Amino acid sequence: EGVSFGDTLITYPFKARLCRGDIAHTIGVPSGKPSGSCTIGNFVP
């Protein structure tokens, strides 16, 4: 949820594809400290 406050989302997509079940981390700006992590769900257009 820190993304809504300006945190940066860090993902590690395989072949430039972010998929359901991938883990994402957030980094606080400007501190650079980890602020959270989550599991990505399905993508709904």
Full PDB file with SEQRES, HELIX, SHEET, SSBOND, CRYST1, ORIGX, SCALE, CONECT and MASTER records, all heavy atoms in Angstrom:
SEQRES   1 A   45  GLU GLY VAL SER PHE GLY ASP THR LEU ILE THR TYR PRO          
SEQRES   2 A   45  PHE LYS ALA ARG LEU CYS ARG GLY ASP ILE ALA HIS THR          
SEQRES   3 A   45  ILE GLY VAL PRO SER GLY LYS PRO SER GLY SER CYS THR          
SEQRES   4 A   45  ILE GLY ASN PHE VAL PRO                                      
HELIX    1 AA1 GLY A    2  PHE A    5  5                                   4    
SHEET    1 AA1 3 THR A   8  ILE A  10  0                                        
SHEET    2 AA1 3 ILE A  23  ILE A  27 -1                                        
SHEET    3 AA1 3 PRO A  34  THR A  39 -1                                        
CRYST1    1.000    1.000    1.000  90.00  90.00  90.00 P 1           1          
ORIGX1      1.000000  0.000000  0.000000        0.00000                         
ORIGX2      0.000000  1.000000  0.000000        0.00000                         
ORIGX3      0.000000  0.000000  1.000000        0.00000                         
SCALE1      1.000000  0.000000  0.000000        0.00000                         
SCALE2      0.000000  1.000000  0.000000        0.00000                         
SCALE3      0.000000  0.000000  1.000000        0.00000                         
ATOM      1  N   GLU A   1       0.810  -1.215   0.000  1.00  0.00           N  
ATOM      2  CA  GLU A   1       0.000   0.000   0.000  1.00  0.00           C  
ATOM      3  C   GLU A   1       0.847   1.271   0.000  1.00  0.00           C  
ATOM      4  O   GLU A   1       0.366   2.345  -0.329  1.00  0.00           O  
ATOM      5  CB  GLU A   1      -0.937   0.030   1.221  1.00  0.00           C  
ATOM      6  CG  GLU A   1      -2.018  -1.002   1.182  1.00  0.00           C  
ATOM      7  CD  GLU A   1      -1.593  -2.377   1.697  1.00  0.00           C  
ATOM      8  OE1 GLU A   1      -0.421  -2.549   2.085  1.00  0.00           O  
ATOM      9  OE2 GLU A   1      -2.416  -3.284   1.705  1.00  0.00           O  
ATOM     10  N   GLY A   2       2.122   1.154   0.344  1.00  0.00           N  
ATOM     11  CA  GLY A   2       3.013   2.309   0.350  1.00  0.00           C  
ATOM     12  C   GLY A   2       3.168   2.952  -1.010  1.00  0.00           C  
ATOM     13  O   GLY A   2       3.580   4.109  -1.110  1.00  0.00           O  
ATOM     14  N   VAL A   3       2.817   2.237  -2.077  1.00  0.00           N  
ATOM     15  CA  VAL A   3       2.891   2.803  -3.427  1.00  0.00           C  
ATOM     16  C   VAL A   3       1.999   4.034  -3.515  1.00  0.00           C  
ATOM     17  O   VAL A   3       2.335   5.016  -4.177  1.00  0.00           O  
ATOM     18  CB  VAL A   3       2.497   1.748  -4.489  1.00  0.00           C  
ATOM     19  CG1 VAL A   3       2.326   2.362  -5.860  1.00  0.00           C  
ATOM     20  CG2 VAL A   3       3.534   0.640  -4.529  1.00  0.00           C  
ATOM     21  N   SER A   4       0.862   4.014  -2.820  1.00  0.00           N  
ATOM     22  CA  SER A   4      -0.043   5.166  -2.861  1.00  0.00           C  
ATOM     23  C   SER A   4       0.550   6.384  -2.156  1.00  0.00           C  
ATOM     24  O   SER A   4       0.067   7.494  -2.335  1.00  0.00           O  
ATOM     25  CB  SER A   4      -1.402   4.807  -2.258  1.00  0.00           C  
ATOM     26  OG  SER A   4      -1.256   4.446  -0.913  1.00  0.00           O  
ATOM     27  N   PHE A   5       1.613   6.195  -1.374  1.00  0.00           N  
ATOM     28  CA  PHE A   5       2.269   7.302  -0.684  1.00  0.00           C  
ATOM     29  C   PHE A   5       3.614   7.657  -1.305  1.00  0.00           C  
ATOM     30  O   PHE A   5       4.395   8.391  -0.723  1.00  0.00           O  
ATOM     31  CB  PHE A   5       2.463   6.964   0.799  1.00  0.00           C  
ATOM     32  CG  PHE A   5       1.177   6.629   1.490  1.00  0.00           C  
ATOM     33  CD1 PHE A   5       0.929   5.339   1.919  1.00  0.00           C  
ATOM     34  CD2 PHE A   5       0.201   7.586   1.688  1.00  0.00           C  
ATOM     35  CE1 PHE A   5      -0.258   5.016   2.546  1.00  0.00           C  
ATOM     36  CE2 PHE A   5      -0.987   7.275   2.311  1.00  0.00           C  
ATOM     37  CZ  PHE A   5      -1.225   5.989   2.740  1.00  0.00           C  
ATOM     38  N   GLY A   6       3.898   7.098  -2.475  1.00  0.00           N  
ATOM     39  CA  GLY A   6       5.123   7.437  -3.176  1.00  0.00           C  
ATOM     40  C   GLY A   6       6.236   6.410  -3.094  1.00  0.00           C  
ATOM     41  O   GLY A   6       7.311   6.625  -3.646  1.00  0.00           O  
ATOM     42  N   ASP A   7       6.006   5.283  -2.417  1.00  0.00           N  
ATOM     43  CA  ASP A   7       7.033   4.237  -2.371  1.00  0.00           C  
ATOM     44  C   ASP A   7       7.216   3.632  -3.765  1.00  0.00           C  
ATOM     45  O   ASP A   7       6.306   3.640  -4.590  1.00  0.00           O  
ATOM     46  CB  ASP A   7       6.651   3.126  -1.396  1.00  0.00           C  
ATOM     47  CG  ASP A   7       6.771   3.560   0.057  1.00  0.00           C  
ATOM     48  OD1 ASP A   7       7.142   4.724   0.302  1.00  0.00           O  
ATOM     49  OD2 ASP A   7       6.501   2.734   0.936  1.00  0.00           O  
ATOM     50  N   THR A   8       8.394   3.099  -4.010  1.00  0.00           N  
ATOM     51  CA  THR A   8       8.711   2.473  -5.292  1.00  0.00           C  
ATOM     52  C   THR A   8       8.421   0.983  -5.221  1.00  0.00           C  
ATOM     53  O   THR A   8       8.776   0.325  -4.245  1.00  0.00           O  
ATOM     54  CB  THR A   8      10.200   2.684  -5.625  1.00  0.00           C  
ATOM     55  OG1 THR A   8      10.455   4.083  -5.694  1.00  0.00           O  
ATOM     56  CG2 THR A   8      10.568   2.044  -6.943  1.00  0.00           C  
ATOM     57  N   LEU A   9       7.763   0.448  -6.244  1.00  0.00           N  
ATOM     58  CA  LEU A   9       7.471  -0.982  -6.320  1.00  0.00           C  
ATOM     59  C   LEU A   9       8.603  -1.671  -7.061  1.00  0.00           C  
ATOM     60  O   LEU A   9       8.964  -1.271  -8.167  1.00  0.00           O  
ATOM     61  CB  LEU A   9       6.147  -1.224  -7.053  1.00  0.00           C  
ATOM     62  CG  LEU A   9       5.667  -2.672  -7.064  1.00  0.00           C  
ATOM     63  CD1 LEU A   9       5.131  -3.059  -5.695  1.00  0.00           C  
ATOM     64  CD2 LEU A   9       4.579  -2.864  -8.113  1.00  0.00           C  
ATOM     65  N   ILE A  10       9.183  -2.693  -6.446  1.00  0.00           N  
ATOM     66  CA  ILE A  10      10.257  -3.472  -7.038  1.00  0.00           C  
ATOM     67  C   ILE A  10       9.706  -4.853  -7.371  1.00  0.00           C  
ATOM     68  O   ILE A  10       9.184  -5.547  -6.502  1.00  0.00           O  
ATOM     69  CB  ILE A  10      11.453  -3.629  -6.073  1.00  0.00           C  
ATOM     70  CG1 ILE A  10      11.930  -2.277  -5.554  1.00  0.00           C  
ATOM     71  CG2 ILE A  10      12.573  -4.417  -6.729  1.00  0.00           C  
ATOM     72  CD1 ILE A  10      12.488  -1.363  -6.607  1.00  0.00           C  
ATOM     73  N   THR A  11       9.792  -5.230  -8.649  1.00  0.00           N  
ATOM     74  CA  THR A  11       9.355  -6.558  -9.077  1.00  0.00           C  
ATOM     75  C   THR A  11      10.493  -7.227  -9.830  1.00  0.00           C  
ATOM     76  O   THR A  11      11.420  -6.559 -10.294  1.00  0.00           O  
ATOM     77  CB  THR A  11       8.116  -6.472 -10.002  1.00  0.00           C  
ATOM     78  OG1 THR A  11       8.444  -5.689 -11.143  1.00  0.00           O  
ATOM     79  CG2 THR A  11       6.928  -5.862  -9.276  1.00  0.00           C  
ATOM     80  N   TYR A  12      10.417  -8.510  -9.943  1.00  0.00           N  
ATOM     81  CA  TYR A  12      11.413  -9.300 -10.657  1.00  0.00           C  
ATOM     82  C   TYR A  12      10.709 -10.138 -11.713  1.00  0.00           C  
ATOM     83  O   TYR A  12      10.582 -11.347 -11.576  1.00  0.00           O  
ATOM     84  CB  TYR A  12      12.188 -10.188  -9.674  1.00  0.00           C  
ATOM     85  CG  TYR A  12      12.800  -9.400  -8.549  1.00  0.00           C  
ATOM     86  CD1 TYR A  12      12.156  -9.283  -7.315  1.00  0.00           C  
ATOM     87  CD2 TYR A  12      14.010  -8.746  -8.727  1.00  0.00           C  
ATOM     88  CE1 TYR A  12      12.719  -8.533  -6.296  1.00  0.00           C  
ATOM     89  CE2 TYR A  12      14.574  -8.003  -7.705  1.00  0.00           C  
ATOM     90  CZ  TYR A  12      13.924  -7.899  -6.493  1.00  0.00           C  
ATOM     91  OH  TYR A  12      14.476  -7.156  -5.479  1.00  0.00           O  
ATOM     92  N   PRO A  13      10.226  -9.473 -12.766  1.00  0.00           N  
ATOM     93  CA  PRO A  13       9.469 -10.215 -13.787  1.00  0.00           C  
ATOM     94  C   PRO A  13      10.366 -11.144 -14.592  1.00  0.00           C  
ATOM     95  O   PRO A  13      11.530 -10.846 -14.851  1.00  0.00           O  
ATOM     96  CB  PRO A  13       8.887  -9.119 -14.668  1.00  0.00           C  
ATOM     97  CG  PRO A  13       9.755  -7.938 -14.463  1.00  0.00           C  
ATOM     98  CD  PRO A  13      10.321  -8.059 -13.080  1.00  0.00           C  
ATOM     99  N   PHE A  14       9.820 -12.286 -14.953  1.00  0.00           N  
ATOM    100  CA  PHE A  14      10.512 -13.245 -15.804  1.00  0.00           C  
ATOM    101  C   PHE A  14      10.140 -12.943 -17.233  1.00  0.00           C  
ATOM    102  O   PHE A  14       8.956 -12.922 -17.588  1.00  0.00           O  
ATOM    103  CB  PHE A  14      10.109 -14.671 -15.411  1.00  0.00           C  
ATOM    104  CG  PHE A  14      10.757 -15.732 -16.237  1.00  0.00           C  
ATOM    105  CD1 PHE A  14      12.106 -15.990 -16.114  1.00  0.00           C  
ATOM    106  CD2 PHE A  14      10.018 -16.461 -17.158  1.00  0.00           C  
ATOM    107  CE1 PHE A  14      12.712 -16.966 -16.875  1.00  0.00           C  
ATOM    108  CE2 PHE A  14      10.605 -17.441 -17.928  1.00  0.00           C  
ATOM    109  CZ  PHE A  14      11.969 -17.691 -17.791  1.00  0.00           C  
ATOM    110  N   LYS A  15      11.118 -12.678 -18.082  1.00  0.00           N  
ATOM    111  CA  LYS A  15      10.898 -12.338 -19.495  1.00  0.00           C  
ATOM    112  C   LYS A  15       9.939 -11.156 -19.638  1.00  0.00           C  
ATOM    113  O   LYS A  15       9.049 -11.157 -20.484  1.00  0.00           O  
ATOM    114  CB  LYS A  15      10.391 -13.538 -20.277  1.00  0.00           C  
ATOM    115  CG  LYS A  15      11.405 -14.644 -20.381  1.00  0.00           C  
ATOM    116  CD  LYS A  15      10.937 -15.730 -21.312  1.00  0.00           C  
ATOM    117  CE  LYS A  15      12.017 -16.803 -21.438  1.00  0.00           C  
ATOM    118  NZ  LYS A  15      11.615 -17.874 -22.339  1.00  0.00           N  
ATOM    119  N   ALA A  16      10.113 -10.156 -18.782  1.00  0.00           N  
ATOM    120  CA  ALA A  16       9.326  -8.911 -18.811  1.00  0.00           C  
ATOM    121  C   ALA A  16       7.833  -9.152 -18.594  1.00  0.00           C  
ATOM    122  O   ALA A  16       7.014  -8.340 -18.990  1.00  0.00           O  
ATOM    123  CB  ALA A  16       9.556  -8.155 -20.108  1.00  0.00           C  
ATOM    124  N   ARG A  17       7.480 -10.261 -17.963  1.00  0.00           N  
ATOM    125  CA  ARG A  17       6.075 -10.553 -17.667  1.00  0.00           C  
ATOM    126  C   ARG A  17       5.902 -10.669 -16.162  1.00  0.00           C  
ATOM    127  O   ARG A  17       6.530 -11.494 -15.519  1.00  0.00           O  
ATOM    128  CB  ARG A  17       5.639 -11.846 -18.342  1.00  0.00           C  
ATOM    129  CG  ARG A  17       5.587 -11.733 -19.855  1.00  0.00           C  
ATOM    130  CD  ARG A  17       5.366 -13.068 -20.528  1.00  0.00           C  
ATOM    131  NE  ARG A  17       4.225 -13.804 -20.034  1.00  0.00           N  
ATOM    132  CZ  ARG A  17       2.988 -13.718 -20.527  1.00  0.00           C  
ATOM    133  NH1 ARG A  17       2.750 -12.923 -21.542  1.00  0.00           N  
ATOM    134  NH2 ARG A  17       2.015 -14.435 -20.030  1.00  0.00           N  
ATOM    135  N   LEU A  18       5.046  -9.832 -15.623  1.00  0.00           N  
ATOM    136  CA  LEU A  18       4.684  -9.896 -14.222  1.00  0.00           C  
ATOM    137  C   LEU A  18       3.454 -10.795 -14.132  1.00  0.00           C  
ATOM    138  O   LEU A  18       2.473 -10.581 -14.853  1.00  0.00           O  
ATOM    139  CB  LEU A  18       4.367  -8.491 -13.710  1.00  0.00           C  
ATOM    140  CG  LEU A  18       4.186  -8.308 -12.226  1.00  0.00           C  
ATOM    141  CD1 LEU A  18       5.430  -8.749 -11.464  1.00  0.00           C  
ATOM    142  CD2 LEU A  18       3.883  -6.852 -11.911  1.00  0.00           C  
ATOM    143  N   CYS A  19       3.513 -11.822 -13.294  1.00  0.00           N  
ATOM    144  CA  CYS A  19       2.429 -12.809 -13.261  1.00  0.00           C  
ATOM    145  C   CYS A  19       1.842 -12.980 -11.870  1.00  0.00           C  
ATOM    146  O   CYS A  19       2.487 -12.661 -10.855  1.00  0.00           O  
ATOM    147  CB  CYS A  19       2.941 -14.163 -13.750  1.00  0.00           C  
ATOM    148  SG  CYS A  19       3.432 -14.161 -15.480  1.00  0.00           S  
ATOM    149  N   ARG A  20       0.630 -13.527 -11.846  1.00  0.00           N  
ATOM    150  CA  ARG A  20      -0.034 -13.838 -10.584  1.00  0.00           C  
ATOM    151  C   ARG A  20       0.885 -14.740  -9.759  1.00  0.00           C  
ATOM    152  O   ARG A  20       1.475 -15.684 -10.271  1.00  0.00           O  
ATOM    153  CB  ARG A  20      -1.350 -14.567 -10.862  1.00  0.00           C  
ATOM    154  CG  ARG A  20      -2.124 -14.901  -9.596  1.00  0.00           C  
ATOM    155  CD  ARG A  20      -3.270 -15.778  -9.896  1.00  0.00           C  
ATOM    156  NE  ARG A  20      -2.710 -16.975 -10.531  1.00  0.00           N  
ATOM    157  CZ  ARG A  20      -3.423 -17.922 -11.076  1.00  0.00           C  
ATOM    158  NH1 ARG A  20      -4.708 -17.847 -11.093  1.00  0.00           N  
ATOM    159  NH2 ARG A  20      -2.852 -18.968 -11.622  1.00  0.00           N  
ATOM    160  N   GLY A  21       1.020 -14.420  -8.495  1.00  0.00           N  
ATOM    161  CA  GLY A  21       1.871 -15.196  -7.602  1.00  0.00           C  
ATOM    162  C   GLY A  21       3.268 -14.629  -7.441  1.00  0.00           C  
ATOM    163  O   GLY A  21       3.990 -15.026  -6.537  1.00  0.00           O  
ATOM    164  N   ASP A  22       3.656 -13.691  -8.320  1.00  0.00           N  
ATOM    165  CA  ASP A  22       4.964 -13.050  -8.172  1.00  0.00           C  
ATOM    166  C   ASP A  22       4.982 -12.207  -6.901  1.00  0.00           C  
ATOM    167  O   ASP A  22       3.954 -11.658  -6.489  1.00  0.00           O  
ATOM    168  CB  ASP A  22       5.280 -12.151  -9.373  1.00  0.00           C  
ATOM    169  CG  ASP A  22       5.646 -12.942 -10.619  1.00  0.00           C  
ATOM    170  OD1 ASP A  22       5.838 -14.173 -10.515  1.00  0.00           O  
ATOM    171  OD2 ASP A  22       5.737 -12.324 -11.693  1.00  0.00           O  
ATOM    172  N   ILE A  23       6.148 -12.093  -6.309  1.00  0.00           N  
ATOM    173  CA  ILE A  23       6.326 -11.295  -5.104  1.00  0.00           C  
ATOM    174  C   ILE A  23       6.871  -9.921  -5.501  1.00  0.00           C  
ATOM    175  O   ILE A  23       7.794  -9.821  -6.305  1.00  0.00           O  
ATOM    176  CB  ILE A  23       7.320 -11.960  -4.123  1.00  0.00           C  
ATOM    177  CG1 ILE A  23       6.882 -13.392  -3.796  1.00  0.00           C  
ATOM    178  CG2 ILE A  23       7.484 -11.123  -2.865  1.00  0.00           C  
ATOM    179  CD1 ILE A  23       5.617 -13.506  -3.011  1.00  0.00           C  
ATOM    180  N   ALA A  24       6.290  -8.877  -4.934  1.00  0.00           N  
ATOM    181  CA  ALA A  24       6.764  -7.508  -5.154  1.00  0.00           C  
ATOM    182  C   ALA A  24       7.174  -6.924  -3.803  1.00  0.00           C  
ATOM    183  O   ALA A  24       6.639  -7.303  -2.760  1.00  0.00           O  
ATOM    184  CB  ALA A  24       5.659  -6.668  -5.781  1.00  0.00           C  
ATOM    185  N   HIS A  25       8.125  -6.029  -3.833  1.00  0.00           N  
ATOM    186  CA  HIS A  25       8.595  -5.343  -2.630  1.00  0.00           C  
ATOM    187  C   HIS A  25       8.457  -3.846  -2.845  1.00  0.00           C  
ATOM    188  O   HIS A  25       8.536  -3.368  -3.972  1.00  0.00           O  
ATOM    189  CB  HIS A  25      10.070  -5.682  -2.357  1.00  0.00           C  
ATOM    190  CG  HIS A  25      10.312  -7.135  -2.187  1.00  0.00           C  
ATOM    191  ND1 HIS A  25      10.063  -7.797  -1.005  1.00  0.00           N  
ATOM    192  CD2 HIS A  25      10.758  -8.076  -3.047  1.00  0.00           C  
ATOM    193  CE1 HIS A  25      10.353  -9.076  -1.151  1.00  0.00           C  
ATOM    194  NE2 HIS A  25      10.776  -9.267  -2.388  1.00  0.00           N  
ATOM    195  N   THR A  26       8.269  -3.122  -1.756  1.00  0.00           N  
ATOM    196  CA  THR A  26       8.232  -1.670  -1.849  1.00  0.00           C  
ATOM    197  C   THR A  26       9.410  -1.087  -1.080  1.00  0.00           C  
ATOM    198  O   THR A  26       9.831  -1.627  -0.055  1.00  0.00           O  
ATOM    199  CB  THR A  26       6.915  -1.090  -1.308  1.00  0.00           C  
ATOM    200  OG1 THR A  26       6.693  -1.563   0.020  1.00  0.00           O  
ATOM    201  CG2 THR A  26       5.746  -1.488  -2.186  1.00  0.00           C  
ATOM    202  N   ILE A  27       9.916   0.007  -1.618  1.00  0.00           N  
ATOM    203  CA  ILE A  27      11.047   0.716  -1.026  1.00  0.00           C  
ATOM    204  C   ILE A  27      10.600   2.143  -0.752  1.00  0.00           C  
ATOM    205  O   ILE A  27      10.045   2.805  -1.646  1.00  0.00           O  
ATOM    206  CB  ILE A  27      12.259   0.746  -1.998  1.00  0.00           C  
ATOM    207  CG1 ILE A  27      12.647  -0.662  -2.422  1.00  0.00           C  
ATOM    208  CG2 ILE A  27      13.422   1.511  -1.404  1.00  0.00           C  
ATOM    209  CD1 ILE A  27      13.381  -1.458  -1.400  1.00  0.00           C  
ATOM    210  N   GLY A  28      10.837   2.615   0.463  1.00  0.00           N  
ATOM    211  CA  GLY A  28      10.488   3.982   0.818  1.00  0.00           C  
ATOM    212  C   GLY A  28      11.404   4.980   0.131  1.00  0.00           C  
ATOM    213  O   GLY A  28      12.583   4.735  -0.046  1.00  0.00           O  
ATOM    214  N   VAL A  29      10.832   6.091  -0.284  1.00  0.00           N  
ATOM    215  CA  VAL A  29      11.601   7.170  -0.910  1.00  0.00           C  
ATOM    216  C   VAL A  29      11.560   8.345   0.044  1.00  0.00           C  
ATOM    217  O   VAL A  29      10.494   8.683   0.542  1.00  0.00           O  
ATOM    218  CB  VAL A  29      10.968   7.553  -2.272  1.00  0.00           C  
ATOM    219  CG1 VAL A  29      11.677   8.723  -2.893  1.00  0.00           C  
ATOM    220  CG2 VAL A  29      10.976   6.359  -3.207  1.00  0.00           C  
ATOM    221  N   PRO A  30      12.605   9.000   0.399  1.00  0.00           N  
ATOM    222  CA  PRO A  30      13.977   8.897  -0.083  1.00  0.00           C  
ATOM    223  C   PRO A  30      14.864   7.998   0.772  1.00  0.00           C  
ATOM    224  O   PRO A  30      16.053   7.877   0.493  1.00  0.00           O  
ATOM    225  CB  PRO A  30      14.472  10.341  -0.007  1.00  0.00           C  
ATOM    226  CG  PRO A  30      13.791  10.883   1.193  1.00  0.00           C  
ATOM    227  CD  PRO A  30      12.430  10.216   1.200  1.00  0.00           C  
ATOM    228  N   SER A  31      14.303   7.348   1.788  1.00  0.00           N  
ATOM    229  CA  SER A  31      15.136   6.565   2.711  1.00  0.00           C  
ATOM    230  C   SER A  31      15.798   5.360   2.053  1.00  0.00           C  
ATOM    231  O   SER A  31      16.878   4.942   2.441  1.00  0.00           O  
ATOM    232  CB  SER A  31      14.302   6.089   3.905  1.00  0.00           C  
ATOM    233  OG  SER A  31      13.370   5.105   3.488  1.00  0.00           O  
ATOM    234  N   GLY A  32      15.133   4.755   1.068  1.00  0.00           N  
ATOM    235  CA  GLY A  32      15.668   3.567   0.420  1.00  0.00           C  
ATOM    236  C   GLY A  32      15.490   2.308   1.249  1.00  0.00           C  
ATOM    237  O   GLY A  32      16.001   1.246   0.907  1.00  0.00           O  
ATOM    238  N   LYS A  33      14.724   2.397   2.333  1.00  0.00           N  
ATOM    239  CA  LYS A  33      14.495   1.239   3.201  1.00  0.00           C  
ATOM    240  C   LYS A  33      13.274   0.460   2.733  1.00  0.00           C  
ATOM    241  O   LYS A  33      12.296   1.040   2.258  1.00  0.00           O  
ATOM    242  CB  LYS A  33      14.283   1.700   4.640  1.00  0.00           C  
ATOM    243  CG  LYS A  33      15.507   2.313   5.250  1.00  0.00           C  
ATOM    244  CD  LYS A  33      15.249   2.696   6.680  1.00  0.00           C  
ATOM    245  CE  LYS A  33      16.501   3.327   7.285  1.00  0.00           C  
ATOM    246  NZ  LYS A  33      16.276   3.726   8.668  1.00  0.00           N  
ATOM    247  N   PRO A  34      13.306  -0.871   2.879  1.00  0.00           N  
ATOM    248  CA  PRO A  34      12.127  -1.680   2.537  1.00  0.00           C  
ATOM    249  C   PRO A  34      10.927  -1.244   3.376  1.00  0.00           C  
ATOM    250  O   PRO A  34      11.054  -0.996   4.570  1.00  0.00           O  
ATOM    251  CB  PRO A  34      12.550  -3.099   2.887  1.00  0.00           C  
ATOM    252  CG  PRO A  34      14.038  -3.070   2.927  1.00  0.00           C  
ATOM    253  CD  PRO A  34      14.424  -1.692   3.338  1.00  0.00           C  
ATOM    254  N   SER A  35       9.770  -1.155   2.714  1.00  0.00           N  
ATOM    255  CA  SER A  35       8.572  -0.733   3.438  1.00  0.00           C  
ATOM    256  C   SER A  35       7.436  -1.748   3.369  1.00  0.00           C  
ATOM    257  O   SER A  35       6.425  -1.587   4.038  1.00  0.00           O  
ATOM    258  CB  SER A  35       8.081   0.617   2.895  1.00  0.00           C  
ATOM    259  OG  SER A  35       7.781   0.517   1.520  1.00  0.00           O  
ATOM    260  N   GLY A  36       7.586  -2.801   2.568  1.00  0.00           N  
ATOM    261  CA  GLY A  36       6.540  -3.805   2.488  1.00  0.00           C  
ATOM    262  C   GLY A  36       6.777  -4.794   1.367  1.00  0.00           C  
ATOM    263  O   GLY A  36       7.722  -4.662   0.588  1.00  0.00           O  
ATOM    264  N   SER A  37       5.918  -5.782   1.313  1.00  0.00           N  
ATOM    265  CA  SER A  37       5.944  -6.755   0.218  1.00  0.00           C  
ATOM    266  C   SER A  37       4.553  -7.339   0.059  1.00  0.00           C  
ATOM    267  O   SER A  37       3.747  -7.317   0.985  1.00  0.00           O  
ATOM    268  CB  SER A  37       6.973  -7.856   0.477  1.00  0.00           C  
ATOM    269  OG  SER A  37       6.603  -8.619   1.596  1.00  0.00           O  
ATOM    270  N   CYS A  38       4.279  -7.846  -1.139  1.00  0.00           N  
ATOM    271  CA  CYS A  38       2.964  -8.409  -1.413  1.00  0.00           C  
ATOM    272  C   CYS A  38       3.070  -9.434  -2.537  1.00  0.00           C  
ATOM    273  O   CYS A  38       4.066  -9.497  -3.249  1.00  0.00           O  
ATOM    274  CB  CYS A  38       1.971  -7.310  -1.805  1.00  0.00           C  
ATOM    275  SG  CYS A  38       2.433  -6.363  -3.263  1.00  0.00           S  
ATOM    276  N   THR A  39       2.027 -10.207  -2.679  1.00  0.00           N  
ATOM    277  CA  THR A  39       1.910 -11.167  -3.772  1.00  0.00           C  
ATOM    278  C   THR A  39       0.950 -10.588  -4.799  1.00  0.00           C  
ATOM    279  O   THR A  39      -0.125 -10.103  -4.452  1.00  0.00           O  
ATOM    280  CB  THR A  39       1.368 -12.509  -3.249  1.00  0.00           C  
ATOM    281  OG1 THR A  39       2.192 -12.961  -2.191  1.00  0.00           O  
ATOM    282  CG2 THR A  39       1.331 -13.545  -4.349  1.00  0.00           C  
ATOM    283  N   ILE A  40       1.349 -10.652  -6.054  1.00  0.00           N  
ATOM    284  CA  ILE A  40       0.539 -10.110  -7.149  1.00  0.00           C  
ATOM    285  C   ILE A  40      -0.593 -11.082  -7.481  1.00  0.00           C  
ATOM    286  O   ILE A  40      -0.403 -12.290  -7.499  1.00  0.00           O  
ATOM    287  CB  ILE A  40       1.424  -9.894  -8.403  1.00  0.00           C  
ATOM    288  CG1 ILE A  40       2.578  -8.951  -8.099  1.00  0.00           C  
ATOM    289  CG2 ILE A  40       0.614  -9.421  -9.591  1.00  0.00           C  
ATOM    290  CD1 ILE A  40       2.187  -7.546  -7.765  1.00  0.00           C  
ATOM    291  N   GLY A  41      -1.766 -10.527  -7.767  1.00  0.00           N  
ATOM    292  CA  GLY A  41      -2.917 -11.347  -8.167  1.00  0.00           C  
ATOM    293  C   GLY A  41      -3.123 -11.316  -9.673  1.00  0.00           C  
ATOM    294  O   GLY A  41      -2.237 -10.921 -10.436  1.00  0.00           O  
ATOM    295  N   ASN A  42      -4.303 -11.740 -10.114  1.00  0.00           N  
ATOM    296  CA  ASN A  42      -4.651 -11.680 -11.540  1.00  0.00           C  
ATOM    297  C   ASN A  42      -4.731 -10.232 -12.011  1.00  0.00           C  
ATOM    298  O   ASN A  42      -4.969  -9.326 -11.210  1.00  0.00           O  
ATOM    299  CB  ASN A  42      -6.000 -12.351 -11.790  1.00  0.00           C  
ATOM    300  CG  ASN A  42      -5.915 -13.853 -11.726  1.00  0.00           C  
ATOM    301  OD1 ASN A  42      -5.009 -14.456 -12.290  1.00  0.00           O  
ATOM    302  ND2 ASN A  42      -6.845 -14.476 -11.028  1.00  0.00           N  
ATOM    303  N   PHE A  43      -4.574 -10.021 -13.282  1.00  0.00           N  
ATOM    304  CA  PHE A  43      -4.667  -8.697 -13.882  1.00  0.00           C  
ATOM    305  C   PHE A  43      -6.007  -8.588 -14.616  1.00  0.00           C  
ATOM    306  O   PHE A  43      -6.303  -9.418 -15.473  1.00  0.00           O  
ATOM    307  CB  PHE A  43      -3.509  -8.460 -14.855  1.00  0.00           C  
ATOM    308  CG  PHE A  43      -2.190  -8.379 -14.166  1.00  0.00           C  
ATOM    309  CD1 PHE A  43      -1.440  -9.523 -13.946  1.00  0.00           C  
ATOM    310  CD2 PHE A  43      -1.698  -7.175 -13.708  1.00  0.00           C  
ATOM    311  CE1 PHE A  43      -0.212  -9.468 -13.293  1.00  0.00           C  
ATOM    312  CE2 PHE A  43      -0.486  -7.102 -13.051  1.00  0.00           C  
ATOM    313  CZ  PHE A  43       0.259  -8.255 -12.839  1.00  0.00           C  
ATOM    314  N   VAL A  44      -6.767  -7.572 -14.281  1.00  0.00           N  
ATOM    315  CA  VAL A  44      -8.072  -7.367 -14.899  1.00  0.00           C  
ATOM    316  C   VAL A  44      -8.028  -6.081 -15.723  1.00  0.00           C  
ATOM    317  O   VAL A  44      -7.774  -5.003 -15.171  1.00  0.00           O  
ATOM    318  CB  VAL A  44      -9.195  -7.279 -13.832  1.00  0.00           C  
ATOM    319  CG1 VAL A  44     -10.545  -7.080 -14.497  1.00  0.00           C  
ATOM    320  CG2 VAL A  44      -9.189  -8.518 -12.948  1.00  0.00           C  
ATOM    321  N   PRO A  45      -8.230  -6.178 -17.039  1.00  0.00           N  
ATOM    322  CA  PRO A  45      -8.206  -4.966 -17.867  1.00  0.00           C  
ATOM    323  C   PRO A  45      -9.530  -4.207 -17.791  1.00  0.00           C  
ATOM    324  O   PRO A  45     -10.595  -4.806 -17.716  1.00  0.00           O  
ATOM    325  CB  PRO A  45      -7.968  -5.516 -19.277  1.00  0.00           C  
ATOM    326  CG  PRO A  45      -8.527  -6.892 -19.248  1.00  0.00           C  
ATOM    327  CD  PRO A  45      -8.371  -7.388 -17.839  1.00  0.00           C  
TER     328      PRO A  45                                                      
MASTER        0    0    0    1    3    0    0    6  327    1    0    4          
END                                                                             
